N, C-alpha and C. Protein backbone atom coordinates (compact mmCIF):
# COMPACT_ATOMS: atom_id res chain seq x y z
N UNK A 1 -12.14 3.93 -14.78
CA UNK A 1 -12.58 3.21 -14.02
C UNK A 1 -12.76 2.32 -12.51
N UNK A 2 -13.38 1.75 -12.46
CA UNK A 2 -13.49 0.95 -11.33
C UNK A 2 -12.61 0.04 -11.37
N UNK A 3 -12.15 -0.28 -9.70
CA UNK A 3 -11.54 -1.86 -9.72
C UNK A 3 -11.89 -2.70 -8.08
N UNK A 4 -12.11 -3.45 -8.15
CA UNK A 4 -11.81 -3.86 -7.08
C UNK A 4 -10.33 -4.56 -6.55
N UNK A 5 -10.16 -3.50 -5.33
CA UNK A 5 -9.39 -4.22 -4.49
C UNK A 5 -9.28 -5.45 -3.40
N UNK A 6 -8.68 -6.24 -4.08
CA UNK A 6 -9.08 -7.41 -2.41
C UNK A 6 -7.66 -8.01 -2.30
N UNK A 7 -7.35 -7.80 -1.63
CA UNK A 7 -6.40 -7.68 -0.50
C UNK A 7 -5.84 -7.91 0.83
N UNK A 8 -5.03 -9.03 1.20
CA UNK A 8 -4.39 -8.78 2.32
C UNK A 8 -3.36 -8.94 2.71
N UNK A 9 -3.05 -8.58 4.67
CA UNK A 9 -2.02 -7.72 4.73
C UNK A 9 -0.73 -8.22 5.45
N UNK A 10 0.28 -9.00 5.60
CA UNK A 10 0.86 -8.84 6.71
C UNK A 10 1.80 -8.24 7.41
N UNK A 11 2.42 -8.26 8.97
CA UNK A 11 3.74 -7.86 9.25
C UNK A 11 4.95 -9.05 8.94
N UNK A 12 5.66 -9.16 7.80
CA UNK A 12 6.43 -9.76 7.71
C UNK A 12 7.67 -10.71 9.19
N UNK A 13 7.53 -12.12 8.84
CA UNK A 13 8.01 -12.77 9.82
C UNK A 13 9.64 -11.94 9.91
N UNK A 14 10.02 -12.36 8.30
CA UNK A 14 11.42 -12.31 8.38
C UNK A 14 11.28 -11.41 6.61
N UNK A 15 12.50 -10.98 5.93
CA UNK A 15 12.80 -10.47 4.55
C UNK A 15 13.00 -11.54 4.00
N UNK A 16 13.30 -11.07 2.65
CA UNK A 16 13.34 -12.48 1.96
C UNK A 16 15.20 -11.81 1.92
N UNK A 17 15.64 -13.10 1.24
CA UNK A 17 17.13 -13.22 0.26
C UNK A 17 17.62 -12.14 -0.12
N UNK A 18 18.26 -11.40 -0.23
CA UNK A 18 18.55 -10.61 -1.42
C UNK A 18 17.21 -9.81 -1.98
N UNK A 19 16.80 -9.10 -1.30
CA UNK A 19 16.06 -8.27 -2.09
C UNK A 19 16.52 -7.01 -2.75
N UNK A 20 17.89 -6.95 -3.24
CA UNK A 20 18.35 -6.54 -4.29
C UNK A 20 18.21 -6.77 -5.85
N UNK A 21 17.77 -8.09 -5.65
CA UNK A 21 17.07 -9.25 -6.87
C UNK A 21 15.74 -8.87 -7.09
N UNK A 22 15.31 -7.81 -7.25
CA UNK A 22 13.52 -7.68 -7.18
C UNK A 22 13.12 -6.56 -7.79
N UNK A 23 12.28 -6.57 -8.55
CA UNK A 23 12.16 -4.50 -9.26
C UNK A 23 11.38 -4.28 -7.78
N UNK A 24 11.89 -3.03 -7.82
CA UNK A 24 11.57 -2.26 -6.19
C UNK A 24 11.04 -0.74 -7.01
N UNK A 25 10.79 -0.16 -6.32
CA UNK A 25 8.93 1.39 -6.18
C UNK A 25 9.74 2.05 -5.69
N UNK A 26 10.21 3.22 -5.34
CA UNK A 26 9.98 4.52 -4.73
C UNK A 26 8.78 5.32 -4.72
N UNK A 27 8.03 4.98 -3.98
CA UNK A 27 6.40 6.01 -4.04
C UNK A 27 6.52 6.74 -2.36
N UNK A 28 5.75 7.83 -3.07
CA UNK A 28 5.20 8.49 -1.95
C UNK A 28 3.80 8.91 -1.87
N UNK A 29 3.03 8.96 -1.09
CA UNK A 29 1.59 9.40 -1.21
C UNK A 29 1.46 9.88 0.25
N UNK A 30 -0.21 10.81 0.25
CA UNK A 30 -0.47 12.33 0.54
C UNK A 30 -2.27 11.12 0.58
N UNK A 31 -2.76 12.13 2.02
CA UNK A 31 -4.03 11.80 1.44
C UNK A 31 -4.64 13.01 1.65
N UNK A 32 -4.82 13.12 0.80
CA UNK A 32 -6.72 14.96 0.89
C UNK A 32 -7.45 14.59 2.11
N UNK A 33 -8.14 13.26 2.00
CA UNK A 33 -8.69 13.08 3.34
C UNK A 33 -8.92 10.85 3.46
N UNK A 34 -9.68 11.26 3.99
CA UNK A 34 -9.20 9.45 4.49
C UNK A 34 -10.35 9.52 5.17
N UNK A 35 -11.58 9.84 4.73
CA UNK A 35 -13.21 9.06 4.90
C UNK A 35 -13.73 10.23 3.99
N UNK A 36 -14.02 9.61 2.74
CA UNK A 36 -13.90 8.38 2.19
C UNK A 36 -12.02 8.89 1.73
N UNK A 37 -11.19 7.81 1.68
CA UNK A 37 -10.14 8.07 1.44
C UNK A 37 -9.86 8.56 -0.24
N UNK A 38 -8.81 9.88 -0.25
CA UNK A 38 -8.84 10.23 -1.91
C UNK A 38 -7.00 9.79 -0.66
N UNK A 39 -6.42 9.56 -2.36
CA UNK A 39 -4.61 9.90 -2.38
C UNK A 39 -4.53 10.06 -3.18
N UNK A 40 -3.01 11.11 -3.14
CA UNK A 40 -2.45 11.17 -4.43
C UNK A 40 -0.77 10.28 -4.30
N UNK A 41 -0.96 9.82 -4.78
CA UNK A 41 0.54 8.68 -5.21
C UNK A 41 1.58 9.48 -6.14
N UNK A 42 2.76 9.12 -5.66
CA UNK A 42 4.44 9.28 -6.78
C UNK A 42 4.63 8.02 -7.48
N UNK A 43 4.77 7.31 -7.67
CA UNK A 43 5.80 5.79 -7.93
C UNK A 43 7.20 5.93 -9.01
N UNK A 44 7.95 6.34 -8.46
CA UNK A 44 8.44 6.47 -9.75
C UNK A 44 8.42 7.70 -10.34
N UNK A 45 8.61 7.83 -11.24
CA UNK A 45 7.64 8.20 -12.44
C UNK A 45 6.05 8.49 -12.58
N UNK A 46 5.56 7.78 -12.31
CA UNK A 46 4.44 7.78 -12.02
C UNK A 46 3.64 8.72 -11.05
N UNK A 47 2.05 9.57 -11.28
CA UNK A 47 1.29 9.90 -10.37
C UNK A 47 0.33 9.48 -11.05
N UNK A 48 -0.85 10.09 -9.15
CA UNK A 48 -2.61 8.88 -9.47
C UNK A 48 -3.06 9.77 -8.51
N UNK A 49 -4.42 9.74 -9.13
CA UNK A 49 -4.57 10.48 -7.68
C UNK A 49 -6.12 9.09 -7.71
N UNK A 50 -6.22 8.09 -6.10
CA UNK A 50 -6.81 7.71 -5.91
C UNK A 50 -8.35 7.69 -4.79
N UNK A 51 -9.26 7.61 -5.33
CA UNK A 51 -10.22 7.23 -4.49
C UNK A 51 -10.25 5.73 -3.78
N UNK A 52 -10.88 5.34 -2.68
CA UNK A 52 -11.02 4.20 -2.44
C UNK A 52 -11.77 3.91 -1.49
N UNK A 53 -13.65 3.06 -1.31
CA UNK A 53 -14.25 3.34 -0.96
C UNK A 53 -13.80 2.80 0.53
N UNK A 54 -15.21 1.94 1.11
CA UNK A 54 -14.45 1.09 2.56
C UNK A 54 -14.63 0.16 2.91
N UNK A 55 -14.05 -0.94 3.28
CA UNK A 55 -13.22 -2.17 3.56
C UNK A 55 -12.56 -2.56 4.54
N UNK A 56 -12.04 -3.45 4.18
CA UNK A 56 -10.21 -3.90 4.79
C UNK A 56 -10.14 -5.04 4.03
N UNK A 57 -10.90 -6.26 3.32
CA UNK A 57 -10.47 -6.94 2.57
C UNK A 57 -10.53 -7.14 1.31
N UNK A 58 -11.86 -6.47 1.15
CA UNK A 58 -12.18 -5.37 -0.58
C UNK A 58 -13.14 -4.52 -0.42
N UNK A 59 -12.38 -3.68 -1.58
CA UNK A 59 -12.56 -2.72 -1.93
C UNK A 59 -12.74 -1.79 -3.41
N UNK A 60 -14.29 -0.91 -3.85
CA UNK A 60 -13.30 -0.72 -5.07
C UNK A 60 -12.66 0.73 -4.74
N UNK A 61 -11.81 0.91 -5.61
CA UNK A 61 -10.68 1.62 -6.00
C UNK A 61 -11.17 2.70 -7.07
N UNK A 62 -10.50 4.03 -7.99
CA UNK A 62 -10.61 4.21 -8.44
C UNK A 62 -9.14 5.03 -8.71
N UNK A 63 -9.06 5.21 -9.86
CA UNK A 63 -7.73 5.49 -10.22
C UNK A 63 -7.26 6.38 -11.44
N UNK A 64 -6.63 7.27 -11.27
CA UNK A 64 -6.61 8.30 -12.20
C UNK A 64 -5.39 9.64 -12.33
N UNK A 65 -4.89 9.08 -13.50
CA UNK A 65 -3.75 10.05 -13.60
C UNK A 65 -3.53 11.34 -13.40
N UNK A 66 -2.21 11.95 -12.50
CA UNK A 66 -1.88 12.90 -13.10
C UNK A 66 -0.98 13.35 -14.01
N UNK A 67 -0.12 14.55 -13.81
CA UNK A 67 1.28 14.56 -14.18
C UNK A 67 1.85 15.11 -13.33
N UNK A 68 3.28 15.63 -13.58
CA UNK A 68 4.08 15.86 -12.41
C UNK A 68 3.55 16.91 -11.29
N UNK A 69 3.52 18.05 -12.37
CA UNK A 69 2.53 19.73 -11.51
C UNK A 69 1.53 19.49 -11.09
N UNK A 70 0.27 18.67 -11.48
CA UNK A 70 -0.73 18.24 -10.77
C UNK A 70 -0.46 17.47 -9.27
N UNK A 71 0.14 16.72 -9.26
CA UNK A 71 1.19 16.19 -8.17
C UNK A 71 1.65 17.64 -6.83
N UNK A 72 2.42 17.85 -7.94
CA UNK A 72 3.24 18.98 -6.59
C UNK A 72 2.31 19.80 -6.57
N UNK A 73 1.10 20.38 -7.25
CA UNK A 73 -0.08 21.40 -6.28
C UNK A 73 -0.47 20.46 -5.10
N UNK A 74 -1.36 19.35 -5.10
CA UNK A 74 -1.46 18.96 -4.15
C UNK A 74 -0.96 18.95 -3.23
N UNK A 75 -0.28 17.38 -3.27
CA UNK A 75 0.97 18.02 -1.81
C UNK A 75 0.85 18.23 -1.13
N UNK A 76 0.97 19.87 -1.33
CA UNK A 76 0.71 20.55 0.33
C UNK A 76 -0.63 20.47 0.78
N UNK A 77 -1.48 20.74 -0.24
CA UNK A 77 -2.98 19.98 0.32
C UNK A 77 -2.91 18.62 1.66
N UNK A 78 -1.99 17.66 1.38
CA UNK A 78 -2.62 15.89 2.31
C UNK A 78 -2.09 17.21 3.79
N UNK A 79 -3.10 15.98 4.09
CA UNK A 79 -3.73 16.27 5.21
C UNK A 79 -2.38 15.17 6.32
N UNK A 80 -1.78 15.74 7.05
CA UNK A 80 -0.81 14.32 8.03
C UNK A 80 0.32 14.66 7.34
N UNK A 81 1.04 13.02 7.85
CA UNK A 81 2.22 12.73 7.20
C UNK A 81 2.33 12.49 5.97
N UNK A 82 3.61 12.63 4.68
CA UNK A 82 3.54 11.99 3.27
C UNK A 82 3.98 10.78 3.67
N UNK A 83 4.20 9.79 2.98
CA UNK A 83 4.37 8.54 3.31
C UNK A 83 5.32 8.18 2.49
N UNK A 84 6.62 8.01 2.50
CA UNK A 84 7.88 7.52 1.92
C UNK A 84 7.40 5.74 1.63
N UNK A 85 8.08 4.49 0.60
CA UNK A 85 8.08 4.09 1.40
C UNK A 85 9.86 3.51 -0.10
N UNK A 86 9.61 1.96 0.03
CA UNK A 86 10.22 1.34 -0.65
C UNK A 86 9.35 0.23 -1.20
N UNK A 87 8.80 -0.51 -1.93
CA UNK A 87 8.13 -1.20 -2.74
C UNK A 87 8.67 -2.47 -3.38
N UNK A 88 8.79 -3.48 -2.93
CA UNK A 88 10.21 -4.22 -4.18
C UNK A 88 8.93 -5.15 -4.44
N UNK A 89 8.63 -6.06 -5.21
CA UNK A 89 8.23 -7.02 -6.22
C UNK A 89 7.88 -8.39 -6.21
N UNK A 90 7.91 -9.23 -5.16
CA UNK A 90 8.27 -10.68 -5.32
C UNK A 90 7.42 -11.32 -5.44
N UNK A 91 7.52 -12.26 -6.50
CA UNK A 91 6.34 -13.17 -6.56
C UNK A 91 6.27 -14.52 -5.91
N UNK A 92 5.99 -14.33 -5.87
CA UNK A 92 5.28 -15.61 -4.74
C UNK A 92 4.63 -17.34 -6.24
N UNK A 93 3.87 -17.57 -7.40
CA UNK A 93 3.54 -18.00 -7.43
C UNK A 93 3.55 -18.11 -8.94
N UNK A 94 2.90 -17.87 -10.32
CA UNK A 94 2.40 -17.35 -11.65
C UNK A 94 1.75 -16.36 -11.80
N UNK A 95 0.73 -15.83 -10.79
CA UNK A 95 -0.56 -14.91 -10.46
C UNK A 95 0.24 -14.18 -9.35
N UNK A 96 1.04 -14.71 -7.85
CA UNK A 96 0.46 -14.14 -7.00
C UNK A 96 1.71 -12.89 -6.44
N UNK A 97 1.89 -11.97 -6.80
CA UNK A 97 3.10 -11.45 -6.10
C UNK A 97 3.10 -10.68 -4.84
N UNK A 98 4.13 -10.67 -3.67
CA UNK A 98 3.92 -10.10 -3.27
C UNK A 98 4.30 -8.39 -3.39
N UNK A 99 3.83 -7.45 -2.82
CA UNK A 99 4.76 -6.53 -2.79
C UNK A 99 4.90 -5.62 -1.04
N UNK A 100 6.31 -5.93 -1.11
CA UNK A 100 6.63 -5.92 -0.33
C UNK A 100 7.34 -4.20 0.69
N UNK A 101 6.64 -3.47 0.73
CA UNK A 101 6.93 -2.15 1.69
C UNK A 101 7.42 -1.20 2.83
N UNK A 102 8.34 -1.22 2.52
CA UNK A 102 9.65 -1.06 3.56
C UNK A 102 9.80 1.11 4.04
N UNK A 103 9.25 0.80 4.58
CA UNK A 103 8.93 2.37 4.75
C UNK A 103 10.80 3.66 5.41
N UNK A 104 10.06 5.39 4.96
CA UNK A 104 11.22 5.32 5.60
C UNK A 104 10.38 6.21 6.50
N UNK A 105 11.41 7.81 6.74
CA UNK A 105 10.72 8.46 7.00
C UNK A 105 9.91 7.99 8.81
N UNK A 106 9.44 8.51 9.18
CA UNK A 106 9.19 8.64 10.90
C UNK A 106 8.14 7.49 11.16
N UNK A 107 8.09 7.13 10.13
CA UNK A 107 7.18 5.86 9.91
C UNK A 107 8.67 4.96 10.49
N UNK A 108 9.61 4.46 9.76
CA UNK A 108 11.14 3.78 9.42
C UNK A 108 11.18 2.93 10.96
N UNK A 109 10.87 2.23 11.45
CA UNK A 109 11.11 0.92 10.58
C UNK A 109 10.21 -0.41 9.91
N UNK A 110 8.51 0.72 9.71
CA UNK A 110 7.91 -0.26 9.73
C UNK A 110 8.26 -0.73 8.55
N UNK A 111 7.21 -1.98 8.25
CA UNK A 111 7.68 -3.19 7.29
C UNK A 111 6.37 -3.83 6.75
N UNK A 112 5.63 -3.73 5.24
CA UNK A 112 4.20 -3.99 5.50
C UNK A 112 4.45 -4.96 4.27
N UNK A 113 3.65 -6.52 4.16
CA UNK A 113 3.49 -6.98 2.94
C UNK A 113 1.97 -7.18 2.20
N UNK A 114 1.41 -7.06 1.06
CA UNK A 114 0.00 -7.27 0.65
C UNK A 114 0.55 -7.80 -0.81
N UNK A 115 -0.86 -8.58 -0.62
CA UNK A 115 -0.74 -9.63 -1.93
C UNK A 115 -2.13 -9.16 -2.00
N UNK A 116 -2.66 -9.18 -3.45
CA UNK A 116 -3.46 -8.76 -3.85
C UNK A 116 -3.81 -10.00 -4.18
N UNK A 117 -5.54 -10.35 -5.25
CA UNK A 117 -5.97 -11.10 -5.31
C UNK A 117 -7.21 -11.19 -6.36
N UNK A 118 -7.46 -12.11 -6.72
CA UNK A 118 -8.78 -11.30 -7.95
C UNK A 118 -9.87 -11.96 -7.67
N UNK A 119 -9.88 -12.64 -6.63
CA UNK A 119 -11.44 -12.32 -5.75
C UNK A 119 -11.47 -12.66 -4.54
N UNK A 120 -12.35 -12.54 -3.28
CA UNK A 120 -12.67 -12.50 -2.09
C UNK A 120 -12.59 -14.50 -1.82
N UNK A 121 -12.50 -14.89 -2.95
CA UNK A 121 -12.49 -16.97 -2.25
C UNK A 121 -11.11 -17.30 -2.51
N UNK A 122 -10.45 -16.60 -3.60
CA UNK A 122 -9.00 -16.81 -3.27
C UNK A 122 -8.05 -16.07 -2.12
N UNK A 123 -8.70 -14.95 -1.43
CA UNK A 123 -8.10 -14.61 -1.03
C UNK A 123 -7.82 -14.77 0.63
N UNK A 124 -9.43 -15.30 0.36
CA UNK A 124 -9.82 -16.41 2.00
C UNK A 124 -8.77 -17.79 1.90
N UNK A 125 -8.51 -18.49 0.80
CA UNK A 125 -7.94 -19.66 0.92
C UNK A 125 -6.34 -19.35 0.81
N UNK A 126 -6.11 -18.86 0.20
CA UNK A 126 -4.78 -17.74 0.31
C UNK A 126 -4.43 -18.38 1.23
N UNK A 127 -3.27 -19.61 1.33
CA UNK A 127 -2.16 -19.95 2.66
C UNK A 127 -0.85 -19.21 2.77
N UNK A 128 -0.10 -18.27 2.90
CA UNK A 128 1.31 -17.83 2.85
C UNK A 128 1.76 -18.19 3.76
N UNK A 129 3.64 -18.32 2.73
CA UNK A 129 4.09 -18.95 3.66
C UNK A 129 4.58 -17.63 4.83
N UNK A 130 5.59 -18.77 4.94
CA UNK A 130 5.76 -18.76 6.52
C UNK A 130 6.49 -17.30 6.98
N UNK A 131 7.45 -16.65 6.34
CA UNK A 131 8.45 -15.37 6.19
C UNK A 131 6.98 -14.10 6.14
N UNK A 132 5.33 -13.80 5.68
CA UNK A 132 4.92 -12.71 5.60
C UNK A 132 4.16 -12.72 7.02
N UNK A 133 4.68 -14.07 8.27
CA UNK A 133 4.13 -13.61 9.70
C UNK A 133 2.37 -12.94 9.78
N UNK A 134 2.76 -12.15 10.30
CA UNK A 134 1.19 -12.17 11.19
C UNK A 134 0.23 -11.64 10.12
N UNK A 135 -0.53 -11.90 9.63
CA UNK A 135 -1.94 -11.23 8.94
C UNK A 135 -2.25 -9.77 9.84
N UNK A 136 -2.48 -8.64 8.82
CA UNK A 136 -3.26 -7.17 9.81
C UNK A 136 -4.21 -7.59 8.18
N UNK A 137 -4.86 -7.60 8.38
CA UNK A 137 -5.84 -7.23 7.47
C UNK A 137 -6.51 -6.74 8.30
N UNK A 138 -7.45 -7.59 9.32
CA UNK A 138 -8.27 -6.49 9.90
C UNK A 138 -7.73 -5.62 10.60
N UNK A 139 -7.01 -4.88 10.56
CA UNK A 139 -6.26 -4.09 11.86
C UNK A 139 -5.96 -3.03 10.80
N UNK A 140 -6.90 -2.01 11.66
CA UNK A 140 -7.02 -0.31 10.21
C UNK A 140 -5.98 0.00 11.00
N UNK A 141 -5.27 0.03 12.42
CA UNK A 141 -3.86 0.67 12.30
C UNK A 141 -2.37 0.46 10.66
N UNK A 142 -2.85 -0.60 10.69
CA UNK A 142 -2.02 -0.69 9.06
C UNK A 142 -2.36 0.09 7.82
N UNK A 143 -3.66 0.38 8.05
CA UNK A 143 -3.92 1.49 5.86
C UNK A 143 -3.38 2.27 6.29
N UNK A 144 -2.43 2.74 5.03
CA UNK A 144 -1.46 3.72 5.06
C UNK A 144 -2.60 4.90 4.58
N UNK A 145 -4.21 4.98 5.31
CA UNK A 145 -4.28 6.22 5.32
C UNK A 145 -4.68 6.16 6.67
N UNK A 146 -4.41 5.41 8.24
CA UNK A 146 -4.98 5.56 8.94
C UNK A 146 -3.62 6.46 9.33
N UNK A 147 -2.39 5.28 8.56
CA UNK A 147 -0.51 5.61 9.33
C UNK A 147 -0.68 7.78 8.26
N UNK A 148 -0.79 7.58 8.12
CA UNK A 148 -0.97 9.05 7.60
C UNK A 148 -1.11 10.05 7.89
N UNK A 149 -2.22 9.66 9.45
CA UNK A 149 -2.34 10.96 9.96
C UNK A 149 -0.87 11.17 10.52
N UNK A 150 -1.67 12.21 11.51
CA UNK A 150 -0.43 13.70 11.89
C UNK A 150 0.15 12.61 13.61
N UNK A 151 -0.95 11.89 14.36
CA UNK A 151 -1.20 11.70 15.57
C UNK A 151 -0.55 9.89 15.66
N UNK A 152 -0.49 9.87 14.05
CA UNK A 152 -0.94 8.40 14.31
C UNK A 152 0.83 7.66 15.22
N UNK A 153 0.55 6.89 15.97
CA UNK A 153 1.93 5.76 16.33
C UNK A 153 1.26 4.59 16.14
N UNK A 154 2.50 3.48 16.19
CA UNK A 154 1.53 2.37 16.44
C UNK A 154 2.06 1.50 18.22
């Protein structure tokens, strides 16, 4: 089933206080292909294969469930680095949540924040709180598929 992914990305100027108060997930992901994007992901004990169409602010996304064995089989086939991060879910209001990613491994100390929206109009109209910092939505260097490349550095 296809879904439209509409999100904006930010380089946070500061972290919210008491991150331990928020829901957190441990994520590991690798890319089987970056053009088009074909990703495998483990989020805690859930596993997915994802296809993403081209786009920056909005793009089609297909998620297919995997099991642990299928993920383990595909993981060595990933190109470049396996990305490790902790994702904190920080509510902004009744329907918007910041996904705050704190990267581990050789991408540390990178921290990115994403906010997903129901429409492009909502995304464009969004006024971020000051702590979200610089908007990097249209900077491809901050796409995880780019960061997975072996030769990647900021």
